[in-house]
Amino acid sequence: MGTITRFDPVAEHEKTRAALGAAIPRLVRLLRDVRDLDAASGVPVWTVGDVGAHLAAVYLAYCSAVSADESVEWDEVLPRGDGPFVERITAVNAMSIGLLSGDERARPGDFLAERGERFLRCTEGLAPDTPLATPWYGQELTLTLAAATGLMLSESLVHGLDIARGAGLPWRIGPDEARLVLGQSMPTMMPPALNTAKAQGVSIAFDLAIKGGPRLAVVIDDGTVTVTRDAPPRAYDCRITATPTAFLLVAFRRTPIRQAIARGRMRAGGRRPWLAVRLSELIATP
């Protein structure tokens, strides 16, 4: 399970685009099958309709980064200044569910279908390392197209699960989809999500080995973190091995880590295996 897998950035980006292209119609069908948008979802305090509205806002945001036809006055809707990353994203998420109204809010599936197709059309043929301005994450954070595509896929898959749980409908996150999310978005998004206050004076090297890839070296050192894919051999304090879907759901707090361990989908090893639980404490999600 711990084998390092080398990857081709261009090929993996194309696979991520294909996975997103396949997830969008699944998500649209799911939303159209929902009978009650006011039902509780898998996200505390959000209804199924709220999750659909949030996803629509996500698609709108990424379309605005790649299409001149999708203009958004971000200065009018985003929080002022660049506060702590998780606090900023929490505020942006709360804002997102009210960004759309009327027919768009009532039929989020139609909105997602249109914007999802536009994003893929506008980015076809662009290099994976094409920079995109994403002011909702902060003025100083610029994403590559590869990371943005991976994040759109992660939002679609995880929030699809939230909708399905609330609506009592089936939803599957396959291991290949989860691998693409982890490989394309985690190296970019883990560093800004570090809780720098909790990480002061902490020195831990994690070897995160996902079955079938990717493999990430997550090194926390006195308030900073580096995340390196396919890192050279080194000594680690803790090795976390996991199936891709299990780690994705633990990382986004949809599955308790103890449940994943009990089901044999995640385990910790190395010199200090008990440090595995520290990873989710030090690198937070909103």
Protein backbone atom coordinates (compact mmCIF):
# COMPACT_ATOMS: atom_id res chain seq x y z
CA MET A 1 0.00 0.00 0.00
CA GLY A 2 2.90 2.35 0.63
CA THR A 3 4.44 2.17 -2.87
CA ILE A 4 5.38 5.56 -4.34
CA THR A 5 3.64 6.15 -7.66
CA ARG A 6 5.13 8.65 -10.11
CA PHE A 7 2.58 10.64 -12.07
CA ASP A 8 2.29 12.61 -15.29
CA PRO A 9 0.78 16.04 -14.42
CA VAL A 10 -0.80 16.50 -17.85
CA ALA A 11 -2.32 13.01 -17.96
CA GLU A 12 -3.63 13.28 -14.41
CA HIS A 13 -5.16 16.68 -15.12
CA GLU A 14 -6.98 15.22 -18.13
CA LYS A 15 -8.24 12.36 -15.96
CA THR A 16 -9.50 14.90 -13.42
CA ARG A 17 -11.30 16.84 -16.17
CA ALA A 18 -12.91 13.60 -17.34
CA ALA A 19 -13.94 12.69 -13.78
CA LEU A 20 -15.47 16.14 -13.29
CA GLY A 21 -17.25 15.83 -16.63
CA ALA A 22 -18.75 12.53 -15.46
CA ALA A 23 -19.63 13.80 -11.96
CA ILE A 24 -21.57 16.86 -13.16
CA PRO A 25 -24.47 14.98 -14.85
CA ARG A 26 -24.62 12.59 -11.87
CA LEU A 27 -24.93 15.59 -9.57
CA VAL A 28 -27.56 17.19 -11.78
CA ARG A 29 -29.64 13.99 -11.79
CA LEU A 30 -29.29 13.74 -8.02
CA LEU A 31 -30.57 17.28 -7.50
CA ARG A 32 -33.46 16.74 -9.88
CA ASP A 33 -34.47 13.61 -7.93
CA VAL A 34 -34.59 15.49 -4.61
CA ARG A 35 -38.17 15.76 -3.41
CA ASP A 36 -37.66 18.18 -0.54
CA LEU A 37 -35.01 20.89 -0.76
CA ASP A 38 -35.81 21.89 2.82
CA ALA A 39 -34.78 18.51 4.23
CA ALA A 40 -31.74 18.40 6.51
CA SER A 41 -28.52 17.56 4.67
CA GLY A 42 -25.23 15.93 5.63
CA VAL A 43 -23.91 19.38 6.59
CA PRO A 44 -25.03 20.62 10.03
CA VAL A 45 -27.43 23.61 9.85
CA TRP A 46 -27.66 23.39 6.03
CA THR A 47 -30.65 22.02 4.16
CA VAL A 48 -30.36 20.01 0.96
CA GLY A 49 -31.30 23.21 -0.88
CA ASP A 50 -28.54 25.10 0.92
CA VAL A 51 -25.96 22.56 -0.24
CA GLY A 52 -27.26 22.84 -3.80
CA ALA A 53 -27.05 26.65 -3.60
CA HIS A 54 -23.51 26.43 -2.20
CA LEU A 55 -22.44 24.16 -5.06
CA ALA A 56 -23.97 26.56 -7.56
CA ALA A 57 -21.95 29.39 -5.99
CA VAL A 58 -18.78 27.25 -6.22
CA TYR A 59 -19.37 26.60 -9.91
CA LEU A 60 -20.12 30.28 -10.47
CA ALA A 61 -16.87 31.25 -8.74
CA TYR A 62 -14.67 28.96 -10.79
CA CYS A 63 -16.43 29.97 -14.01
CA SER A 64 -15.69 33.60 -13.17
CA ALA A 65 -12.00 32.69 -12.95
CA VAL A 66 -11.89 31.27 -16.48
CA SER A 67 -14.65 33.03 -18.45
CA ALA A 68 -15.05 36.72 -19.25
CA ASP A 69 -18.78 36.03 -19.69
CA GLU A 70 -19.15 35.26 -15.96
CA SER A 71 -18.42 38.49 -14.12
CA VAL A 72 -18.69 38.68 -10.33
CA GLU A 73 -18.02 41.79 -8.25
CA TRP A 74 -16.12 39.93 -5.55
CA ASP A 75 -15.30 43.09 -3.59
CA GLU A 76 -19.01 43.49 -2.87
CA VAL A 77 -19.62 39.98 -1.53
CA LEU A 78 -16.38 38.71 0.02
CA PRO A 79 -15.14 39.37 3.58
CA ARG A 80 -12.83 42.35 3.94
CA GLY A 81 -9.12 41.67 4.33
CA ASP A 82 -7.32 38.35 4.56
CA GLY A 83 -7.99 36.80 7.96
CA PRO A 84 -7.09 33.25 9.00
CA PHE A 85 -7.81 30.88 6.11
CA VAL A 86 -10.36 28.62 7.81
CA GLU A 87 -12.24 31.59 9.26
CA ARG A 88 -12.35 33.22 5.84
CA ILE A 89 -13.63 30.06 4.13
CA THR A 90 -16.24 29.57 6.86
CA ALA A 91 -17.51 33.12 6.22
CA VAL A 92 -17.46 32.62 2.44
CA ASN A 93 -19.38 29.35 2.78
CA ALA A 94 -22.03 31.05 4.89
CA MET A 95 -22.33 33.80 2.28
CA SER A 96 -22.47 31.34 -0.61
CA ILE A 97 -25.86 29.83 0.21
CA GLY A 98 -27.52 33.22 -0.24
CA LEU A 99 -25.69 34.23 -3.41
CA LEU A 100 -28.38 32.81 -5.70
CA SER A 101 -32.12 33.34 -5.47
CA GLY A 102 -35.32 32.78 -7.41
CA ASP A 103 -35.34 30.16 -10.16
CA GLU A 104 -31.59 29.56 -9.85
CA ARG A 105 -31.99 28.71 -6.17
CA ALA A 106 -35.05 26.55 -6.87
CA ARG A 107 -33.34 24.61 -9.71
CA PRO A 108 -29.67 24.36 -8.82
CA GLY A 109 -29.20 21.36 -11.11
CA ASP A 110 -29.84 23.46 -14.21
CA PHE A 111 -27.34 26.08 -13.00
CA LEU A 112 -24.69 23.43 -12.28
CA ALA A 113 -25.13 21.79 -15.68
CA GLU A 114 -24.61 25.08 -17.50
CA ARG A 115 -21.67 26.36 -15.43
CA GLY A 116 -19.96 22.99 -15.26
CA GLU A 117 -20.04 22.66 -19.04
CA ARG A 118 -18.78 26.24 -19.39
CA PHE A 119 -15.83 25.64 -17.05
CA LEU A 120 -14.73 22.54 -18.95
CA ARG A 121 -15.21 24.23 -22.32
CA CYS A 122 -13.27 27.36 -21.34
CA THR A 123 -10.36 25.39 -19.89
CA GLU A 124 -10.04 22.78 -22.62
CA GLY A 125 -6.47 22.64 -23.88
CA LEU A 126 -5.03 24.88 -21.16
CA ALA A 127 -1.91 23.72 -19.33
CA PRO A 128 -2.45 22.27 -15.84
CA ASP A 129 -0.18 24.93 -14.32
CA THR A 130 -2.20 27.83 -15.78
CA PRO A 131 -2.68 30.30 -12.86
CA LEU A 132 -6.20 31.28 -11.82
CA ALA A 133 -7.19 34.16 -9.55
CA THR A 134 -9.41 32.81 -6.75
CA PRO A 135 -10.10 35.78 -4.43
CA TRP A 136 -12.60 33.86 -2.32
CA TYR A 137 -9.64 31.93 -0.87
CA GLY A 138 -7.72 35.15 -0.22
CA GLN A 139 -5.99 37.83 -2.23
CA GLU A 140 -2.59 36.17 -1.90
CA LEU A 141 -3.60 32.64 -2.96
CA THR A 142 -3.48 31.84 -6.68
CA LEU A 143 -4.39 28.33 -7.77
CA THR A 144 -3.25 26.36 -10.78
CA LEU A 145 -5.92 25.10 -13.14
CA ALA A 146 -5.09 21.55 -12.03
CA ALA A 147 -5.76 22.38 -8.37
CA ALA A 148 -8.95 24.28 -9.25
CA THR A 149 -10.27 21.36 -11.29
CA GLY A 150 -9.47 18.98 -8.44
CA LEU A 151 -11.29 21.25 -6.00
CA MET A 152 -14.36 21.43 -8.23
CA LEU A 153 -14.34 17.64 -8.34
CA SER A 154 -14.00 17.41 -4.55
CA GLU A 155 -16.86 19.87 -3.98
CA SER A 156 -19.05 17.93 -6.40
CA LEU A 157 -18.32 14.53 -4.85
CA VAL A 158 -18.42 15.45 -1.16
CA HIS A 159 -21.43 17.76 -1.38
CA GLY A 160 -23.15 15.23 -3.61
CA LEU A 161 -22.85 12.87 -0.65
CA ASP A 162 -24.27 15.54 1.67
CA ILE A 163 -27.29 15.97 -0.61
CA ALA A 164 -27.79 12.23 -1.00
CA ARG A 165 -27.65 11.62 2.75
CA GLY A 166 -30.33 14.26 3.33
CA ALA A 167 -32.53 13.13 0.46
CA GLY A 168 -32.17 9.41 1.14
CA LEU A 169 -30.71 8.78 -2.32
CA PRO A 170 -27.67 6.74 -3.42
CA TRP A 171 -24.34 8.43 -4.11
CA ARG A 172 -20.99 6.77 -4.67
CA ILE A 173 -17.49 8.24 -4.51
CA GLY A 174 -15.22 5.87 -6.37
CA PRO A 175 -11.57 5.28 -5.41
CA ASP A 176 -10.25 6.63 -8.71
CA GLU A 177 -12.21 9.88 -8.24
CA ALA A 178 -10.94 10.22 -4.67
CA ARG A 179 -7.32 9.63 -5.76
CA LEU A 180 -7.59 12.46 -8.27
CA VAL A 181 -8.97 14.85 -5.65
CA LEU A 182 -6.22 13.98 -3.17
CA GLY A 183 -3.44 14.27 -5.71
CA GLN A 184 -4.63 17.42 -7.44
CA SER A 185 -5.91 19.55 -4.56
CA MET A 186 -4.39 18.39 -1.26
CA PRO A 187 -0.79 19.59 -1.88
CA THR A 188 -2.13 23.08 -2.64
CA MET A 189 -4.84 23.40 0.01
CA MET A 190 -3.28 21.76 3.05
CA PRO A 191 -0.65 24.51 3.69
CA PRO A 192 -3.08 27.46 3.96
CA ALA A 193 -5.36 25.35 6.16
CA LEU A 194 -2.61 24.85 8.77
CA ASN A 195 -3.60 26.01 12.24
CA THR A 196 -0.44 28.03 12.81
CA ALA A 197 -1.22 28.65 16.48
CA LYS A 198 -1.50 24.93 17.25
CA ALA A 199 1.51 24.18 15.06
CA GLN A 200 3.88 26.46 16.97
CA GLY A 201 6.70 24.39 18.43
CA VAL A 202 5.43 21.23 16.68
CA SER A 203 7.74 19.10 14.55
CA ILE A 204 6.09 16.08 12.90
CA ALA A 205 6.75 14.40 9.55
CA PHE A 206 3.80 12.43 8.18
CA ASP A 207 4.04 9.91 5.35
CA LEU A 208 0.56 9.84 3.82
CA ALA A 209 0.29 6.78 1.60
CA ILE A 210 -2.97 6.35 -0.31
CA LYS A 211 -3.66 2.92 -1.80
CA GLY A 212 -2.87 3.19 -5.50
CA GLY A 213 -1.45 6.72 -5.02
CA PRO A 214 -0.89 9.52 -4.42
CA ARG A 215 1.78 9.59 -1.71
CA LEU A 216 2.33 12.83 0.17
CA ALA A 217 5.03 13.93 2.60
CA VAL A 218 3.38 16.33 5.07
CA VAL A 219 6.06 17.98 7.20
CA ILE A 220 5.01 20.36 9.99
CA ASP A 221 7.80 22.39 11.53
CA ASP A 222 7.21 25.13 14.10
CA GLY A 223 4.16 26.80 12.58
CA THR A 224 4.85 25.95 8.93
CA VAL A 225 3.97 23.00 6.70
CA THR A 226 5.22 21.67 3.40
CA VAL A 227 3.34 19.08 1.36
CA THR A 228 5.38 17.23 -1.26
CA ARG A 229 4.14 14.63 -3.67
CA ASP A 230 6.45 11.67 -4.38
CA ALA A 231 9.06 13.03 -1.98
CA PRO A 232 12.57 11.52 -1.77
CA PRO A 233 13.05 8.91 0.99
CA ARG A 234 13.40 10.31 4.50
CA ALA A 235 12.58 9.40 8.10
CA TYR A 236 8.96 9.91 9.15
CA ASP A 237 7.38 10.07 12.57
CA CYS A 238 4.04 8.66 11.48
CA ARG A 239 2.86 6.79 8.39
CA ILE A 240 -0.85 6.92 7.56
CA THR A 241 -2.06 4.37 5.03
CA ALA A 242 -5.62 4.57 3.77
CA THR A 243 -7.95 3.73 0.96
CA PRO A 244 -8.59 6.85 -1.14
CA THR A 245 -12.31 7.29 -0.48
CA ALA A 246 -11.90 6.70 3.25
CA PHE A 247 -9.18 9.34 3.55
CA LEU A 248 -11.17 11.83 1.49
CA LEU A 249 -14.19 11.46 3.77
CA VAL A 250 -12.10 11.62 6.94
CA ALA A 251 -10.28 14.71 5.65
CA PHE A 252 -13.60 16.45 5.01
CA ARG A 253 -15.02 15.20 8.32
CA ARG A 254 -17.77 13.12 6.73
CA THR A 255 -16.48 9.94 8.36
CA PRO A 256 -15.00 9.76 11.88
CA ILE A 257 -11.39 8.60 11.80
CA ARG A 258 -12.11 5.89 14.38
CA GLN A 259 -14.79 4.47 12.07
CA ALA A 260 -12.37 4.33 9.14
CA ILE A 261 -9.81 2.56 11.34
CA ALA A 262 -12.38 0.12 12.72
CA ARG A 263 -13.41 -0.82 9.18
CA GLY A 264 -9.82 -1.45 8.16
CA ARG A 265 -9.74 1.43 5.68
CA MET A 266 -7.10 3.46 7.50
CA ARG A 267 -4.23 2.60 9.78
CA ALA A 268 -1.27 4.34 11.38
CA GLY A 269 2.29 3.09 11.69
CA GLY A 270 5.85 4.29 11.94
CA ARG A 271 7.82 5.34 15.02
CA ARG A 272 4.98 7.36 16.58
CA PRO A 273 1.69 6.06 15.15
CA TRP A 274 -0.41 7.78 17.81
CA LEU A 275 0.36 11.11 16.13
CA ALA A 276 -2.05 10.28 13.27
CA VAL A 277 -4.92 12.02 15.04
CA ARG A 278 -2.85 15.21 15.25
CA LEU A 279 -2.98 15.69 11.47
CA SER A 280 -6.67 16.62 11.45
CA GLU A 281 -6.13 18.88 14.48
CA LEU A 282 -3.25 20.77 12.87
CA ILE A 283 -4.70 21.02 9.35
CA ALA A 284 -8.32 22.07 9.67
CA THR A 285 -11.32 22.17 7.36
CA PRO A 286 -14.18 24.67 7.74
